[in-house]
Amino acid sequence: MSYLLVSPCRNEADYMRMTLDSVVAQTVQPDLWVIVDDGSTDETPVILQQYADKHSFIKVITRHDRGHRSVGPGVIEAFYHGYDQIDVSQFDYVCKFDLDLDLPPRYFEILIERMKANPRIGTCSGKAYFRDQKTGELVSEKCGDEMSVGMTKFYRRSCFEEIGGFVRQVMWDGIDCHKCRQLGWIAVSWDDSDLRFIHLRPMGSSQKGIFTGRMRHGFGQYFMGTGLMYMTASSVFRVFHPPYLIGGLAMWWGYVKSMLQNQPRFADKELVQFIREYQTQCLFKGKAAATEALNRQQEAVWNATHS
């Protein structure tokens, strides 16, 4: 079963060698790894060329320098700049993959095995951990089991095409999983030891720091259609996890600020309603029970179109 990695990349030299080495060391290597150099001005182009010269499955595509790093829609634009230049029909799986990760060696092998075992799994991942700068201990980023994580979105290609790919806005990595469930697919991540990877740049810390990153997440939740009650509960949960207090408060303020400014929201009203109903069930039943019930309910939807 063949798989394609597509990696948006800009000024990643500090993290990139470790990521490149961890992919080269995979027990099942990608058939093709497209790395989109999005106008890097550091040593990134030189490092990428060194690896491309040694490994035939690595292909580097250089994109015009936009003059700044951009997260959210900018990252997805860079992803599609590479994705659209490839005949993706020859691949069974596709993965949007960041260049600041250190993977365990059987990472992709295990994901493929689990997707083969369950044809309803549309997207999946392992779990992200980061290393505490003071203690050196690994700390979980606390990503929910009902999502594949944004830094390594592993997709069954047929599912990726069915959901229409990624929206080009902040919260693209949450909207996609909800769309999967709406169409009867399963989105999932596992916290198994062989699937835990190190995120060399913790969630929400890129571009302008943790506070800005978490506020951006709050705006993303607002844009996606998340209700205030669910957002408040989610922010309270984050208050008790690193970065303590500030992370949860920044997320909540990013949401409320967007609400007060009457920022635009996601246009797919049917999906927004689907998301809100699911989030309400999460508040009453707990996320695990609500997700399990929804996946059972949506099995008929999947069977109707994939029988």
Protein backbone atom coordinates (compact mmCIF):
# COMPACT_ATOMS: atom_id res chain seq x y z
CA MET A 1 0.00 0.00 0.00
CA SER A 2 1.63 3.26 -1.16
CA TYR A 3 1.67 6.53 0.74
CA LEU A 4 2.58 10.13 0.01
CA LEU A 5 3.93 12.72 2.46
CA VAL A 6 3.54 16.43 1.71
CA SER A 7 5.44 18.82 3.98
CA PRO A 8 5.06 22.62 3.95
CA CYS A 9 8.39 24.06 5.04
CA ARG A 10 9.80 27.51 5.83
CA ASN A 11 12.99 28.16 7.82
CA GLU A 12 12.93 24.76 9.52
CA ALA A 13 16.69 24.16 9.81
CA ASP A 14 16.64 23.98 13.63
CA TYR A 15 14.34 20.93 13.62
CA MET A 16 14.57 19.47 10.17
CA ARG A 17 17.49 17.04 10.32
CA MET A 18 15.89 15.11 13.19
CA THR A 19 12.60 14.90 11.26
CA LEU A 20 14.31 13.84 8.05
CA ASP A 21 16.32 11.18 9.86
CA SER A 22 13.23 9.81 11.62
CA VAL A 23 11.37 9.42 8.31
CA VAL A 24 14.37 7.85 6.56
CA ALA A 25 14.53 5.36 9.47
CA GLN A 26 10.87 4.28 9.13
CA THR A 27 10.28 0.56 8.70
CA VAL A 28 7.87 1.50 5.89
CA GLN A 29 9.22 4.54 4.06
CA PRO A 30 7.00 6.82 1.98
CA ASP A 31 6.82 6.10 -1.73
CA LEU A 32 7.15 9.84 -2.27
CA TRP A 33 7.87 12.70 0.09
CA VAL A 34 7.16 16.12 -1.40
CA ILE A 35 8.72 18.94 0.64
CA VAL A 36 7.55 22.42 -0.31
CA ASP A 37 10.20 24.99 0.58
CA ASP A 38 8.00 28.02 1.15
CA GLY A 39 10.70 30.66 0.65
CA SER A 40 13.19 29.66 3.36
CA THR A 41 16.04 32.11 4.03
CA ASP A 42 18.12 29.94 6.40
CA GLU A 43 20.05 26.72 5.72
CA THR A 44 16.87 24.80 4.89
CA PRO A 45 17.35 24.60 1.08
CA VAL A 46 20.91 23.25 1.45
CA ILE A 47 19.86 20.61 3.99
CA LEU A 48 16.89 19.52 1.90
CA GLN A 49 19.04 19.13 -1.20
CA GLN A 50 21.53 16.99 0.72
CA TYR A 51 18.77 14.56 1.73
CA ALA A 52 17.11 14.61 -1.70
CA ASP A 53 20.45 13.69 -3.30
CA LYS A 54 20.76 10.65 -0.98
CA HIS A 55 17.13 9.45 -0.98
CA SER A 56 15.23 9.09 -4.24
CA PHE A 57 11.77 9.26 -2.59
CA ILE A 58 12.37 12.87 -1.46
CA LYS A 59 11.31 15.59 -3.91
CA VAL A 60 11.87 19.27 -3.08
CA ILE A 61 9.64 21.96 -4.61
CA THR A 62 10.60 25.60 -4.11
CA ARG A 63 7.84 28.17 -3.74
CA HIS A 64 8.17 31.94 -4.15
CA ASP A 65 9.09 33.73 -0.91
CA ARG A 66 5.99 35.43 0.54
CA GLY A 67 8.23 37.44 2.90
CA HIS A 68 6.80 35.99 6.15
CA ARG A 69 5.88 32.79 7.90
CA SER A 70 2.15 32.07 7.87
CA VAL A 71 0.23 29.47 9.85
CA GLY A 72 -3.28 28.19 9.22
CA PRO A 73 -4.27 29.11 5.68
CA GLY A 74 -0.66 29.84 4.68
CA VAL A 75 0.45 26.34 5.63
CA ILE A 76 -2.42 24.77 3.67
CA GLU A 77 -1.65 26.93 0.63
CA ALA A 78 1.91 25.59 0.74
CA PHE A 79 0.61 22.02 1.18
CA TYR A 80 -1.58 22.32 -1.91
CA HIS A 81 1.24 23.89 -3.88
CA GLY A 82 2.96 20.51 -3.59
CA TYR A 83 -0.09 18.26 -3.58
CA ASP A 84 -1.50 19.72 -6.80
CA GLN A 85 1.72 18.95 -8.69
CA ILE A 86 1.50 15.21 -7.98
CA ASP A 87 -0.64 12.49 -9.56
CA VAL A 88 -2.18 11.49 -6.24
CA SER A 89 -4.26 8.71 -7.82
CA GLN A 90 -1.26 6.40 -7.55
CA PHE A 91 -1.25 6.59 -3.73
CA ASP A 92 -3.52 4.82 -1.26
CA TYR A 93 -2.70 7.20 1.59
CA VAL A 94 -1.64 10.84 1.86
CA CYS A 95 -0.23 12.69 4.86
CA LYS A 96 0.20 16.39 5.57
CA PHE A 97 3.40 16.19 7.56
CA ASP A 98 5.33 18.89 9.45
CA LEU A 99 9.11 19.12 9.58
CA ASP A 100 9.42 19.55 13.35
CA LEU A 101 8.69 15.99 14.49
CA ASP A 102 10.73 13.06 15.78
CA LEU A 103 8.88 9.83 14.95
CA PRO A 104 9.26 6.32 16.37
CA PRO A 105 10.49 3.88 13.67
CA ARG A 106 7.26 1.91 13.12
CA TYR A 107 5.00 4.97 13.05
CA PHE A 108 3.68 4.75 9.49
CA GLU A 109 3.76 0.95 9.43
CA ILE A 110 1.36 0.80 12.38
CA LEU A 111 -1.00 3.47 11.02
CA ILE A 112 -1.31 1.60 7.72
CA GLU A 113 -1.91 -1.72 9.50
CA ARG A 114 -4.76 -0.22 11.54
CA MET A 115 -6.37 1.43 8.54
CA LYS A 116 -6.23 -1.86 6.65
CA ALA A 117 -7.92 -3.58 9.59
CA ASN A 118 -10.78 -1.04 9.72
CA PRO A 119 -11.91 0.40 6.36
CA ARG A 120 -13.98 3.09 8.10
CA ILE A 121 -10.89 4.83 9.51
CA GLY A 122 -10.46 7.83 7.24
CA THR A 123 -7.75 9.72 9.11
CA CYS A 124 -5.53 8.82 12.04
CA SER A 125 -2.33 9.66 13.90
CA GLY A 126 -0.30 8.99 16.99
CA LYS A 127 -0.01 11.44 19.87
CA ALA A 128 2.22 14.50 20.18
CA TYR A 129 4.55 15.04 23.15
CA PHE A 130 7.02 17.85 23.82
CA ARG A 131 10.05 17.93 26.08
CA ASP A 132 9.83 20.14 29.18
CA GLN A 133 12.71 22.61 28.97
CA LYS A 134 13.34 22.50 32.73
CA THR A 135 12.93 18.82 33.60
CA GLY A 136 13.57 17.18 30.23
CA GLU A 137 10.48 15.03 30.71
CA LEU A 138 8.04 14.36 27.88
CA VAL A 139 4.69 16.12 28.30
CA SER A 140 1.54 15.21 26.36
CA GLU A 141 -0.07 17.93 24.23
CA LYS A 142 -3.43 16.43 25.26
CA CYS A 143 -4.88 16.00 21.79
CA GLY A 144 -8.27 14.31 21.79
CA ASP A 145 -8.72 10.70 20.63
CA GLU A 146 -11.42 11.85 18.18
CA MET A 147 -8.95 13.82 16.02
CA SER A 148 -5.89 13.09 13.95
CA VAL A 149 -3.30 15.69 14.96
CA GLY A 150 -2.57 18.56 12.59
CA MET A 151 1.19 18.10 12.40
CA THR A 152 0.85 14.55 10.97
CA LYS A 153 -2.54 14.14 9.27
CA PHE A 154 -2.50 10.61 7.82
CA TYR A 155 -5.43 10.10 5.43
CA ARG A 156 -6.93 7.36 3.34
CA ARG A 157 -6.84 9.16 -0.01
CA SER A 158 -10.43 8.27 -0.86
CA CYS A 159 -11.61 9.84 2.40
CA PHE A 160 -9.49 12.94 1.87
CA GLU A 161 -11.08 13.45 -1.54
CA GLU A 162 -14.58 12.74 -0.23
CA ILE A 163 -14.42 15.43 2.47
CA GLY A 164 -13.11 17.95 -0.07
CA GLY A 165 -9.63 18.17 1.45
CA PHE A 166 -8.59 20.90 3.89
CA VAL A 167 -10.31 24.27 4.22
CA ARG A 168 -7.85 27.13 3.82
CA GLN A 169 -8.43 28.76 7.19
CA VAL A 170 -7.36 28.41 10.81
CA MET A 171 -8.93 25.27 12.34
CA TRP A 172 -8.55 23.31 9.10
CA ASP A 173 -7.23 20.46 11.28
CA GLY A 174 -10.44 20.28 13.32
CA ILE A 175 -12.99 20.91 10.59
CA ASP A 176 -11.64 17.99 8.54
CA CYS A 177 -12.22 15.44 11.32
CA HIS A 178 -15.77 16.65 11.94
CA LYS A 179 -16.44 16.41 8.21
CA CYS A 180 -15.14 12.83 8.30
CA ARG A 181 -17.64 11.89 11.01
CA GLN A 182 -20.47 13.67 9.22
CA LEU A 183 -19.84 11.39 6.21
CA GLY A 184 -19.54 8.27 8.33
CA TRP A 185 -15.76 7.99 8.47
CA ILE A 186 -13.82 7.55 11.71
CA ALA A 187 -11.17 10.06 12.79
CA VAL A 188 -8.91 8.82 15.56
CA SER A 189 -5.53 9.11 17.28
CA TRP A 190 -3.83 6.59 19.58
CA ASP A 191 -1.57 7.10 22.58
CA ASP A 192 0.37 3.85 22.15
CA SER A 193 4.08 3.87 22.97
CA ASP A 194 5.00 3.00 19.36
CA LEU A 195 2.92 5.93 18.08
CA ARG A 196 4.05 8.66 20.47
CA PHE A 197 6.21 11.23 18.73
CA ILE A 198 8.07 14.31 19.91
CA HIS A 199 6.81 17.67 18.67
CA LEU A 200 9.98 19.72 18.57
CA ARG A 201 7.94 22.93 18.46
CA PRO A 202 4.92 22.56 20.79
CA MET A 203 1.37 23.19 19.55
CA GLY A 204 0.58 26.89 19.28
CA SER A 205 4.17 28.06 19.85
CA SER A 206 5.14 28.81 16.27
CA GLN A 207 5.19 32.21 14.55
CA LYS A 208 4.76 34.64 17.51
CA GLY A 209 4.79 32.52 20.66
CA ILE A 210 2.45 30.53 22.89
CA PHE A 211 -0.01 33.33 23.80
CA THR A 212 -0.56 34.38 20.18
CA GLY A 213 -0.78 30.75 19.08
CA ARG A 214 -3.42 29.88 21.67
CA MET A 215 -5.43 33.01 20.86
CA ARG A 216 -5.32 31.94 17.24
CA HIS A 217 -6.71 28.57 18.31
CA GLY A 218 -9.57 30.38 20.08
CA PHE A 219 -10.36 32.29 16.91
CA GLY A 220 -10.24 28.99 15.00
CA GLN A 221 -12.80 27.44 17.33
CA TYR A 222 -15.04 30.49 16.87
CA PHE A 223 -14.66 30.31 13.09
CA MET A 224 -15.48 26.58 13.08
CA GLY A 225 -18.76 27.23 14.90
CA THR A 226 -17.95 25.99 18.42
CA GLY A 227 -20.42 27.24 21.05
CA LEU A 228 -19.35 29.44 23.96
CA MET A 229 -20.24 26.84 26.61
CA TYR A 230 -18.12 24.14 24.98
CA MET A 231 -15.25 26.59 24.40
CA THR A 232 -15.32 27.63 28.05
CA ALA A 233 -15.19 23.99 29.20
CA SER A 234 -12.32 23.28 26.81
CA SER A 235 -10.40 26.34 28.01
CA VAL A 236 -10.84 25.36 31.68
CA PHE A 237 -9.43 21.91 30.82
CA ARG A 238 -6.39 23.56 29.18
CA VAL A 239 -5.75 25.81 32.19
CA PHE A 240 -4.49 22.76 34.10
CA HIS A 241 -2.07 21.62 31.38
CA PRO A 242 1.16 23.19 30.10
CA PRO A 243 1.48 26.08 29.53
CA TYR A 244 -0.45 26.31 32.80
CA LEU A 245 -3.15 28.98 33.12
CA ILE A 246 -2.03 31.15 30.20
CA GLY A 247 -2.78 28.53 27.54
CA GLY A 248 -6.43 28.07 28.47
CA LEU A 249 -7.03 31.77 29.14
CA ALA A 250 -5.52 32.77 25.80
CA MET A 251 -7.72 30.27 23.96
CA TRP A 252 -10.86 31.56 25.70
CA TRP A 253 -9.96 35.22 25.07
CA GLY A 254 -9.20 34.50 21.39
CA TYR A 255 -12.69 33.04 21.05
CA VAL A 256 -14.49 35.80 22.98
CA LYS A 257 -12.57 38.57 21.21
CA SER A 258 -13.59 37.10 17.84
CA MET A 259 -17.20 36.89 19.03
CA LEU A 260 -17.21 40.52 20.23
CA GLN A 261 -15.71 41.64 16.92
CA ASN A 262 -18.33 39.62 15.02
CA GLN A 263 -15.65 37.90 12.96
CA PRO A 264 -16.80 35.79 9.98
CA ARG A 265 -17.64 32.12 10.62
CA PHE A 266 -17.52 28.92 8.64
CA ALA A 267 -20.09 28.96 5.83
CA ASP A 268 -21.08 25.27 5.91
CA LYS A 269 -24.15 25.66 8.18
CA GLU A 270 -25.05 21.97 8.07
CA LEU A 271 -21.59 20.95 9.28
CA VAL A 272 -21.61 23.66 11.95
CA GLN A 273 -24.89 22.29 13.28
CA PHE A 274 -23.44 18.77 13.23
CA ILE A 275 -20.40 19.96 15.20
CA ARG A 276 -22.49 21.78 17.81
CA GLU A 277 -24.76 18.80 18.39
CA TYR A 278 -21.71 16.58 18.86
CA GLN A 279 -20.10 19.07 21.26
CA THR A 280 -23.32 19.23 23.30
CA GLN A 281 -23.25 15.44 23.64
CA CYS A 282 -19.61 15.68 24.72
CA LEU A 283 -20.55 18.06 27.53
CA PHE A 284 -23.30 15.74 28.82
CA LYS A 285 -21.78 12.30 28.15
CA GLY A 286 -18.05 12.96 28.05
CA LYS A 287 -16.07 13.08 24.83
CA ALA A 288 -15.19 9.37 24.63
CA ALA A 289 -18.78 8.17 25.07
CA ALA A 290 -20.18 10.84 22.75
CA THR A 291 -17.66 9.99 20.02
CA GLU A 292 -18.31 6.25 20.29
CA ALA A 293 -22.07 6.81 20.07
CA LEU A 294 -21.74 9.13 17.09
CA ASN A 295 -19.44 6.73 15.23
CA ARG A 296 -22.00 3.93 15.73
CA GLN A 297 -24.80 6.20 14.57
CA GLN A 298 -22.89 7.28 11.44
CA GLU A 299 -21.98 3.74 10.38
CA ALA A 300 -25.18 3.57 8.33
CA VAL A 301 -24.17 6.75 6.49
CA TRP A 302 -20.81 5.21 5.58
CA ASN A 303 -22.36 1.87 4.55
CA ALA A 304 -24.83 3.63 2.26
CA THR A 305 -22.04 5.11 0.16
CA HIS A 306 -19.31 2.47 0.48
CA SER A 307 -21.18 -0.83 0.22
